Amino acid sequence: MPSSLNLDIETALQVLFFLSVIGVILAGLAGAQSIRAGLRLMFFRKRQEMIMRGWRNIILAIILAGVAFSLNQYARPAIYRVFPPSPTITLTPTMTLTPSITLTPTITMTPTITETPLFSPTPVIPTQMLTKFLGQVTPNPDAVFSSLQFSRKIEGNLPVEPLVEFANPVNHLYGTFSYDKMLDGSQWTAIWLQGTEIVCQETKPWDGGSGGYGYTDCLLPGEKWLPGEYEVQIFLGRQYITGGKFKVTGDAPTPTRTPIPTRTTAPTSTRRPTATQIPSITQTSRTIAPTATMRSTITARATLITSQPTATQQSTVAPDVRVVTSTGTPGSGYIP
């Protein structure tokens, strides 16, 4: 009980002191303001009332100042004579901790100044791509593209489970985006980079309408997707319009050697014995060369007339006829 009473007396004295100080300030300001306002009035009676009110406030401020001084200097000893303060608890000395081993300070490395780049370089379209431009329409400078989202597959030009890191094996990747205020026929280009090496590229006149969703893709054999960071840059004409980055982790699959097909020897055919033909007499037709017109020959036939009644005698004398057969063409057409 005494300790709580001591606490209440101390708090009450502090509160009264601060209230008195605040009252002094407010009464002094109010009194000074009333006196200044009364001096500006033309009517004597009202001027005197305002001035008197001001002086009353100033006197009140002086009284409150005296009260505050008394509370701060004499109130506490006077109250403690009536209500003596209770003795305070003496603190028991605690055990002194044994000092631990002080670590030897190590040399602190002085931080080096890291140069902050003044600006990030804007990607520039490669010179060799400019020769492939076919677009005849000037690109719209107000065209806008969203940032790229990467995925292994798409549905309706929208990504399915977009990621920023892909684990090998990787085969086909898509970079999707939304666009607006495009002009058909303007040239657009997409370049897929690993470091500074171009792994995929496409450039053609735009044919996707003024707004919607689009994509660029890159199809490579599995062993070509090496681990590292990849970047995709999209240009509208020669101006860089949007891009994005992703990572491929894990070792790329080792290409398997495709066996070369060997030549299969066709089975050889077994010759069947053929019948041996018996040689036949070949009749050689004599080719008669065109000859001069042959004159017909008269064949004389001798007839022996026998008289009767004598015996018939058959003559065996051959007729005096000669038939000449000539092969080839006579030199003069002479017939013997």
Protein backbone atom coordinates (compact mmCIF):
# COMPACT_ATOMS: atom_id res chain seq x y z
CA MET A 1 0.00 0.00 0.00
CA PRO A 2 2.67 2.61 0.85
CA SER A 3 4.54 1.96 -2.39
CA SER A 4 1.39 2.40 -4.47
CA LEU A 5 0.57 5.61 -2.57
CA ASN A 6 4.07 6.89 -3.26
CA LEU A 7 3.60 6.20 -6.88
CA ASP A 8 0.26 8.06 -6.96
CA ILE A 9 1.67 11.16 -5.22
CA GLU A 10 4.58 11.37 -7.62
CA THR A 11 2.33 11.04 -10.65
CA ALA A 12 -0.18 13.62 -9.30
CA LEU A 13 2.55 16.20 -8.70
CA GLN A 14 3.90 15.79 -12.23
CA VAL A 15 0.43 16.12 -13.76
CA LEU A 16 -0.37 19.26 -11.72
CA PHE A 17 2.94 20.83 -12.64
CA PHE A 18 2.46 20.35 -16.38
CA LEU A 19 -1.16 21.57 -16.21
CA SER A 20 0.02 24.71 -14.42
CA VAL A 21 2.64 25.36 -17.08
CA ILE A 22 0.05 24.96 -19.82
CA GLY A 23 -2.32 27.32 -17.95
CA VAL A 24 0.42 29.96 -17.67
CA ILE A 25 1.03 29.85 -21.40
CA LEU A 26 -2.64 30.00 -22.38
CA ALA A 27 -3.54 32.75 -19.85
CA GLY A 28 -0.56 34.90 -20.87
CA LEU A 29 -1.39 34.61 -24.58
CA ALA A 30 -5.07 35.36 -23.97
CA GLY A 31 -4.27 38.41 -21.81
CA ALA A 32 -1.84 39.88 -24.34
CA GLN A 33 -4.33 39.37 -27.17
CA SER A 34 -7.17 41.03 -25.20
CA ILE A 35 -5.04 44.11 -24.41
CA ARG A 36 -4.02 44.50 -28.09
CA ALA A 37 -7.63 44.15 -29.22
CA GLY A 38 -8.87 46.68 -26.62
CA LEU A 39 -6.36 49.31 -27.71
CA ARG A 40 -7.78 49.19 -31.25
CA LEU A 41 -11.40 49.88 -30.14
CA MET A 42 -12.82 53.39 -30.53
CA PHE A 43 -15.39 53.17 -27.76
CA PHE A 44 -13.96 54.00 -24.37
CA ARG A 45 -16.08 51.66 -22.29
CA LYS A 46 -15.51 48.62 -24.46
CA ARG A 47 -11.83 49.44 -24.73
CA GLN A 48 -11.50 49.53 -20.96
CA GLU A 49 -13.35 46.21 -20.59
CA MET A 50 -11.06 44.48 -23.08
CA ILE A 51 -7.94 45.89 -21.45
CA MET A 52 -9.12 44.86 -17.96
CA ARG A 53 -9.89 41.36 -19.23
CA GLY A 54 -6.40 41.14 -20.63
CA TRP A 55 -4.79 42.20 -17.38
CA ARG A 56 -6.87 39.66 -15.47
CA ASN A 57 -5.58 36.90 -17.73
CA ILE A 58 -2.01 38.07 -17.23
CA ILE A 59 -2.46 38.09 -13.44
CA LEU A 60 -3.92 34.56 -13.69
CA ALA A 61 -0.89 33.47 -15.66
CA ILE A 62 1.40 34.88 -12.94
CA ILE A 63 -0.54 33.03 -10.24
CA LEU A 64 -0.37 29.76 -12.17
CA ALA A 65 3.36 30.26 -12.64
CA GLY A 66 3.74 30.60 -8.87
CA VAL A 67 1.67 27.45 -8.33
CA ALA A 68 3.79 25.51 -10.82
CA PHE A 69 6.97 26.68 -9.11
CA SER A 70 5.61 25.68 -5.69
CA LEU A 71 4.54 22.25 -6.91
CA ASN A 72 7.93 21.59 -8.39
CA GLN A 73 9.97 22.86 -5.38
CA TYR A 74 7.98 22.47 -2.13
CA ALA A 75 5.04 20.12 -2.67
CA ARG A 76 7.02 16.87 -2.69
CA PRO A 77 8.91 17.46 0.64
CA ALA A 78 5.72 18.70 2.35
CA ILE A 79 3.72 15.64 1.29
CA TYR A 80 6.51 13.24 2.23
CA ARG A 81 6.44 14.67 5.78
CA VAL A 82 2.85 13.46 6.13
CA PHE A 83 3.29 10.28 4.09
CA PRO A 84 6.89 9.13 4.46
CA PRO A 85 8.14 7.11 1.49
CA SER A 86 8.62 3.38 1.95
CA PRO A 87 12.17 2.05 1.80
CA THR A 88 13.20 0.79 -1.61
CA ILE A 89 14.45 -2.77 -2.15
CA THR A 90 18.25 -3.04 -2.19
CA LEU A 91 19.40 -4.95 -5.23
CA THR A 92 21.41 -8.09 -4.50
CA PRO A 93 24.67 -8.12 -6.42
CA THR A 94 24.61 -10.72 -9.13
CA MET A 95 27.40 -13.10 -10.05
CA THR A 96 30.00 -11.50 -12.26
CA LEU A 97 30.39 -13.40 -15.49
CA THR A 98 33.85 -14.63 -16.35
CA PRO A 99 35.01 -12.78 -19.44
CA SER A 100 35.16 -14.97 -22.49
CA ILE A 101 38.05 -15.19 -24.88
CA THR A 102 38.15 -12.16 -27.09
CA LEU A 103 38.37 -13.13 -30.71
CA THR A 104 41.25 -11.65 -32.61
CA PRO A 105 39.82 -9.17 -35.08
CA THR A 106 40.21 -10.25 -38.65
CA ILE A 107 41.09 -7.97 -41.51
CA THR A 108 37.97 -6.57 -43.02
CA MET A 109 38.18 -6.38 -46.77
CA THR A 110 37.58 -2.92 -48.11
CA PRO A 111 34.59 -3.06 -50.45
CA THR A 112 35.45 -2.21 -53.99
CA ILE A 113 33.45 0.23 -56.03
CA THR A 114 31.04 -1.56 -58.33
CA GLU A 115 30.48 0.33 -61.53
CA THR A 116 26.82 0.73 -62.23
CA PRO A 117 26.07 0.80 -65.96
CA LEU A 118 24.55 4.06 -67.03
CA PHE A 119 22.12 2.34 -69.38
CA SER A 120 21.16 -1.12 -70.59
CA PRO A 121 22.08 -1.70 -74.23
CA THR A 122 19.04 -2.04 -76.48
CA PRO A 123 19.13 -5.20 -78.66
CA VAL A 124 19.89 -4.56 -82.33
CA ILE A 125 18.69 -6.75 -85.17
CA PRO A 126 21.55 -8.61 -86.93
CA THR A 127 22.59 -7.22 -90.29
CA GLN A 128 22.13 -10.55 -92.09
CA MET A 129 18.42 -10.53 -91.18
CA LEU A 130 17.82 -7.26 -93.03
CA THR A 131 18.41 -8.93 -96.39
CA LYS A 132 15.44 -11.26 -95.72
CA PHE A 133 12.88 -8.48 -95.23
CA LEU A 134 9.85 -8.80 -97.52
CA GLY A 135 7.37 -6.50 -95.76
CA GLN A 136 6.06 -3.56 -97.80
CA VAL A 137 4.14 -1.82 -94.98
CA THR A 138 5.77 0.60 -92.54
CA PRO A 139 5.32 -0.75 -88.97
CA ASN A 140 2.97 1.16 -86.68
CA PRO A 141 5.09 3.01 -84.06
CA ASP A 142 2.18 2.72 -81.57
CA ALA A 143 2.09 -1.10 -81.74
CA VAL A 144 2.48 -2.80 -78.36
CA PHE A 145 3.59 -6.30 -77.34
CA SER A 146 3.45 -7.96 -73.94
CA SER A 147 6.42 -9.69 -72.37
CA LEU A 148 7.06 -13.30 -73.43
CA GLN A 149 5.92 -16.40 -71.56
CA PHE A 150 7.66 -19.71 -72.31
CA SER A 151 6.13 -23.19 -72.28
CA ARG A 152 6.51 -26.64 -73.83
CA LYS A 153 3.08 -26.52 -75.52
CA ILE A 154 0.28 -24.06 -76.27
CA GLU A 155 -3.50 -24.12 -76.75
CA GLY A 156 -5.13 -21.39 -78.78
CA ASN A 157 -1.85 -19.41 -78.84
CA LEU A 158 -1.89 -19.36 -75.01
CA PRO A 159 0.83 -21.05 -72.91
CA VAL A 160 0.16 -24.26 -71.01
CA GLU A 161 2.05 -24.24 -67.66
CA PRO A 162 4.47 -21.38 -68.45
CA LEU A 163 7.92 -21.65 -66.87
CA VAL A 164 11.19 -19.72 -66.73
CA GLU A 165 13.36 -22.83 -66.22
CA PHE A 166 13.21 -26.05 -68.23
CA ALA A 167 14.95 -29.31 -67.38
CA ASN A 168 16.44 -31.42 -70.14
CA PRO A 169 15.39 -33.20 -72.27
CA VAL A 170 13.93 -30.28 -74.24
CA ASN A 171 12.74 -30.49 -77.82
CA HIS A 172 10.17 -27.83 -78.75
CA LEU A 173 9.60 -24.55 -76.87
CA TYR A 174 7.12 -21.71 -77.45
CA GLY A 175 7.27 -18.01 -76.56
CA THR A 176 3.74 -16.53 -76.40
CA PHE A 177 2.66 -12.89 -76.24
CA SER A 178 -0.31 -10.57 -76.71
CA TYR A 179 -0.26 -7.66 -79.15
CA ASP A 180 -2.31 -4.68 -80.29
CA LYS A 181 -2.31 -1.97 -83.00
CA MET A 182 -0.42 -4.13 -85.52
CA LEU A 183 -0.57 -3.68 -89.32
CA ASP A 184 -0.68 -6.66 -91.67
CA GLY A 185 2.27 -6.69 -94.06
CA SER A 186 4.74 -5.05 -91.67
CA GLN A 187 7.96 -6.99 -91.11
CA TRP A 188 8.47 -8.72 -87.76
CA THR A 189 11.41 -10.84 -86.62
CA ALA A 190 11.99 -13.30 -83.75
CA ILE A 191 15.51 -14.37 -82.76
CA TRP A 192 16.35 -17.10 -80.20
CA LEU A 193 19.82 -16.68 -78.66
CA GLN A 194 22.07 -18.66 -76.37
CA GLY A 195 24.62 -16.09 -75.33
CA THR A 196 25.55 -14.49 -78.66
CA GLU A 197 24.80 -17.54 -80.80
CA ILE A 198 21.56 -17.64 -82.79
CA VAL A 199 19.82 -21.01 -82.38
CA CYS A 200 16.49 -20.21 -84.05
CA GLN A 201 15.18 -17.33 -86.14
CA GLU A 202 12.19 -16.30 -88.22
CA THR A 203 11.29 -13.15 -90.11
CA LYS A 204 8.26 -12.54 -92.31
CA PRO A 205 5.49 -10.01 -93.03
CA TRP A 206 2.90 -9.85 -90.25
CA ASP A 207 -0.41 -11.64 -90.96
CA GLY A 208 -2.00 -11.92 -87.52
CA GLY A 209 -4.37 -8.92 -87.61
CA SER A 210 -4.36 -5.82 -85.42
CA GLY A 211 -4.68 -7.49 -82.00
CA GLY A 212 -4.77 -10.85 -80.28
CA TYR A 213 -2.38 -13.55 -79.11
CA GLY A 214 0.65 -14.86 -80.97
CA TYR A 215 3.73 -17.01 -80.48
CA THR A 216 7.21 -17.77 -81.75
CA ASP A 217 8.67 -21.25 -81.43
CA CYS A 218 12.00 -23.06 -81.64
CA LEU A 219 12.32 -26.74 -82.59
CA LEU A 220 15.78 -28.29 -82.14
CA PRO A 221 17.15 -31.81 -81.61
CA GLY A 222 17.49 -32.68 -77.94
CA GLU A 223 21.29 -32.58 -77.99
CA LYS A 224 21.22 -28.94 -79.24
CA TRP A 225 19.51 -27.63 -76.06
CA LEU A 226 22.66 -27.05 -74.01
CA PRO A 227 22.27 -25.94 -70.37
CA GLY A 228 22.43 -22.19 -69.84
CA GLU A 229 20.45 -18.99 -70.26
CA TYR A 230 18.50 -18.28 -73.44
CA GLU A 231 17.00 -15.02 -74.67
CA VAL A 232 14.30 -14.33 -77.24
CA GLN A 233 14.22 -10.93 -78.98
CA ILE A 234 11.31 -9.71 -81.11
CA PHE A 235 11.70 -6.83 -83.53
CA LEU A 236 9.09 -4.83 -85.42
CA GLY A 237 10.89 -3.64 -88.50
CA ARG A 238 14.31 -2.67 -87.13
CA GLN A 239 12.98 -1.64 -83.71
CA TYR A 240 13.21 -3.92 -80.67
CA ILE A 241 9.64 -4.38 -79.39
CA THR A 242 9.74 -7.08 -76.64
CA GLY A 243 11.68 -10.09 -75.38
CA GLY A 244 12.20 -12.55 -72.56
CA LYS A 245 14.68 -14.93 -70.97
CA PHE A 246 14.58 -18.52 -69.69
CA LYS A 247 17.01 -21.20 -68.52
CA VAL A 248 17.67 -24.78 -69.53
CA THR A 249 19.14 -27.01 -66.80
CA GLY A 250 20.63 -30.48 -66.85
CA ASP A 251 22.88 -32.11 -69.40
CA ALA A 252 21.59 -32.38 -72.93
CA PRO A 253 20.91 -35.97 -74.07
CA THR A 254 23.79 -37.61 -75.96
CA PRO A 255 22.87 -38.23 -79.59
CA THR A 256 22.52 -41.95 -80.34
CA ARG A 257 24.30 -43.31 -83.38
CA THR A 258 21.88 -44.47 -86.04
CA PRO A 259 23.08 -47.77 -87.55
CA ILE A 260 23.76 -47.53 -91.26
CA PRO A 261 21.70 -50.12 -93.16
CA THR A 262 23.96 -52.77 -94.75
CA ARG A 263 23.51 -53.99 -98.28
CA THR A 264 21.74 -57.34 -98.40
CA THR A 265 23.04 -59.61 -101.15
CA ALA A 266 20.24 -60.76 -103.38
CA PRO A 267 20.04 -64.56 -103.80
CA THR A 268 21.59 -65.70 -107.08
CA SER A 269 19.45 -67.71 -109.44
CA THR A 270 20.42 -71.27 -110.25
CA ARG A 271 20.59 -71.86 -113.92
CA ARG A 272 18.42 -74.66 -115.13
CA PRO A 273 19.80 -77.00 -117.83
CA THR A 274 18.49 -75.97 -121.19
CA ALA A 275 17.69 -78.40 -123.98
CA THR A 276 20.36 -78.57 -126.61
CA GLN A 277 18.85 -77.95 -130.01
CA ILE A 278 19.75 -80.34 -132.73
CA PRO A 279 21.20 -78.45 -135.64
CA SER A 280 18.86 -78.45 -138.56
CA ILE A 281 19.61 -77.86 -142.16
CA THR A 282 19.25 -74.25 -142.82
CA GLN A 283 17.84 -73.62 -146.19
CA THR A 284 19.62 -70.71 -147.60
CA SER A 285 17.46 -68.85 -149.95
CA ARG A 286 19.37 -67.60 -152.83
CA THR A 287 19.02 -63.97 -153.26
CA ILE A 288 18.70 -63.13 -156.85
CA ALA A 289 20.16 -59.82 -157.56
CA PRO A 290 18.24 -57.79 -160.04
CA THR A 291 19.45 -58.75 -163.52
CA ALA A 292 18.75 -57.59 -166.95
CA THR A 293 15.55 -58.85 -168.54
CA MET A 294 16.20 -62.38 -169.74
CA ARG A 295 14.80 -63.37 -173.05
CA SER A 296 12.77 -66.50 -173.12
CA THR A 297 14.54 -69.46 -174.69
CA ILE A 298 12.94 -71.81 -177.04
CA THR A 299 13.24 -75.42 -176.09
CA ALA A 300 13.33 -77.63 -179.10
CA ARG A 301 11.90 -81.02 -178.61
CA ALA A 302 12.70 -83.62 -181.22
CA THR A 303 10.03 -86.08 -182.11
CA LEU A 304 10.93 -89.22 -184.07
CA ILE A 305 8.18 -90.43 -186.28
CA THR A 306 8.32 -94.03 -187.01
CA SER A 307 6.55 -95.62 -189.82
CA GLN A 308 4.46 -98.74 -189.42
CA PRO A 309 4.45 -101.62 -189.51
CA THR A 310 7.93 -101.48 -188.45
CA ALA A 311 8.90 -101.82 -184.87
CA THR A 312 8.74 -98.67 -182.80
CA GLN A 313 12.12 -97.45 -182.01
CA GLN A 314 12.55 -95.01 -179.18
CA SER A 315 15.22 -92.59 -179.70
CA THR A 316 17.41 -91.91 -176.80
CA VAL A 317 19.10 -89.02 -178.42
CA ALA A 318 18.89 -86.06 -176.19
CA PRO A 319 17.54 -82.97 -177.81
CA ASP A 320 20.03 -80.44 -178.83
CA VAL A 321 18.97 -78.00 -176.23
CA ARG A 322 21.18 -76.18 -173.69
CA VAL A 323 19.78 -74.36 -170.65
CA VAL A 324 22.11 -71.94 -169.08
CA THR A 325 21.47 -70.84 -165.48
CA SER A 326 23.38 -67.81 -164.43
CA THR A 327 23.98 -66.54 -160.93
CA GLY A 328 24.53 -62.88 -160.70
CA THR A 329 24.19 -60.29 -163.37
CA PRO A 330 25.90 -60.89 -166.68
CA GLY A 331 28.13 -58.18 -167.78
CA SER A 332 26.36 -57.56 -171.13
CA GLY A 333 23.07 -59.32 -170.80
CA TYR A 334 24.15 -61.94 -173.28
CA ILE A 335 22.30 -65.22 -173.14
CA PRO A 336 24.09 -68.15 -174.82
